[in-house]
Amino acid sequence: MVTKIKPLGENILVELKKEDKTTKSGIVIPDTANEEKPQEGLVKAVGSGKIENGKKIEPEVKKGDKVIFAKYSGSEIEIDGKEHLILKGEDILAVVE
């Protein structure tokens, strides 16, 4: 089952980057063993933008962008077994090119 979510307003849906780390000796440490949440992800859906002073401001990111976002930001949700965040546009710090 594929769940579709359409963020509203200035909200952005980001799939968290899953990183399994490998030690020098070749031991794989799964992402679940790491207490730190990643601050990088892939934009899966973008809201329509925000309205400020009566004017619509388009989001600065688009679906498919790799982004870096502020630590401890957003609301965590699970979609089809994968971790996602719903963030405000202002929580996106950079696009990875």
Protein backbone atom coordinates (compact mmCIF):
# COMPACT_ATOMS: atom_id res chain seq x y z
CA MET A 1 0.00 0.00 0.00
CA VAL A 2 1.38 3.38 -1.00
CA THR A 3 0.29 6.30 1.13
CA LYS A 4 0.07 9.73 -0.51
CA ILE A 5 0.51 12.83 1.60
CA LYS A 6 0.15 16.39 0.28
CA PRO A 7 1.63 18.99 2.65
CA LEU A 8 -0.43 22.13 3.14
CA GLY A 9 0.79 25.74 2.94
CA GLU A 10 4.51 26.16 3.54
CA ASN A 11 5.02 22.59 4.80
CA ILE A 12 7.44 20.18 3.12
CA LEU A 13 7.55 16.38 3.35
CA VAL A 14 11.12 15.04 3.59
CA GLU A 15 12.18 11.39 3.61
CA LEU A 16 15.06 11.00 6.05
CA LYS A 17 18.36 9.79 4.66
CA LYS A 18 19.10 6.36 6.06
CA GLU A 19 22.78 5.84 6.78
CA ASP A 20 24.25 2.53 7.78
CA LYS A 21 27.82 3.18 8.85
CA THR A 22 30.66 0.74 8.25
CA THR A 23 33.65 0.64 10.57
CA LYS A 24 37.21 0.29 9.23
CA SER A 25 37.07 -3.42 10.02
CA GLY A 26 33.91 -3.84 7.91
CA ILE A 27 31.29 -4.08 10.67
CA VAL A 28 28.03 -2.45 9.63
CA ILE A 29 26.38 -0.30 12.31
CA PRO A 30 22.71 0.18 11.40
CA ASP A 31 21.10 3.60 11.51
CA THR A 32 18.84 2.41 14.33
CA ALA A 33 21.87 2.15 16.65
CA ASN A 34 22.65 5.84 16.18
CA GLU A 35 20.91 8.18 18.63
CA GLU A 36 21.43 11.23 16.37
CA LYS A 37 18.76 11.72 13.73
CA PRO A 38 20.05 12.59 10.27
CA GLN A 39 19.74 16.22 9.23
CA GLU A 40 19.62 15.40 5.54
CA GLY A 41 16.84 14.05 3.41
CA LEU A 42 15.01 13.95 0.10
CA VAL A 43 12.03 16.21 -0.59
CA LYS A 44 9.04 13.98 -1.41
CA ALA A 45 6.26 16.59 -1.56
CA VAL A 46 5.92 20.36 -1.24
CA GLY A 47 2.97 22.48 -0.15
CA SER A 48 1.63 25.37 -2.21
CA GLY A 49 3.63 28.02 -0.31
CA LYS A 50 2.80 30.65 2.26
CA ILE A 51 0.88 33.89 1.99
CA GLU A 52 2.61 36.97 3.35
CA ASN A 53 1.17 40.50 3.09
CA GLY A 54 -1.46 39.20 0.69
CA LYS A 55 1.10 37.73 -1.72
CA LYS A 56 1.78 34.05 -2.31
CA ILE A 57 5.41 33.07 -1.78
CA GLU A 58 6.41 29.90 -3.64
CA PRO A 59 8.52 27.28 -1.81
CA GLU A 60 12.27 27.45 -2.48
CA VAL A 61 12.61 23.66 -2.83
CA LYS A 62 10.98 21.17 -5.16
CA LYS A 63 10.27 17.45 -5.15
CA GLY A 64 13.50 15.50 -5.57
CA ASP A 65 15.82 18.06 -3.94
CA LYS A 66 18.34 16.78 -1.37
CA VAL A 67 18.13 19.12 1.60
CA ILE A 68 19.76 19.82 4.95
CA PHE A 69 17.38 20.91 7.69
CA ALA A 70 17.59 22.31 11.20
CA LYS A 71 18.23 19.90 14.04
CA TYR A 72 15.17 18.95 16.13
CA SER A 73 12.77 20.47 13.61
CA GLY A 74 9.59 19.09 12.10
CA SER A 75 7.12 16.39 13.00
CA GLU A 76 8.13 12.77 12.55
CA ILE A 77 5.83 10.41 10.67
CA GLU A 78 6.24 6.95 9.17
CA ILE A 79 4.99 6.34 5.64
CA ASP A 80 5.16 2.87 4.12
CA GLY A 81 7.81 1.80 6.65
CA LYS A 82 10.12 4.79 6.01
CA GLU A 83 10.82 7.70 8.37
CA HIS A 84 9.74 11.15 7.17
CA LEU A 85 9.52 14.65 8.58
CA ILE A 86 7.01 17.36 7.83
CA LEU A 87 8.96 20.63 8.03
CA LYS A 88 8.20 24.31 7.62
CA GLY A 89 10.03 25.93 4.70
CA GLU A 90 12.08 28.04 7.11
CA ASP A 91 13.51 24.85 8.69
CA ILE A 92 15.23 23.92 5.40
CA LEU A 93 18.75 25.32 5.63
CA ALA A 94 20.27 24.30 2.29
CA VAL A 95 19.86 22.30 -0.91
CA VAL A 96 22.64 19.78 -1.59
CA GLU A 97 23.80 20.07 -5.20
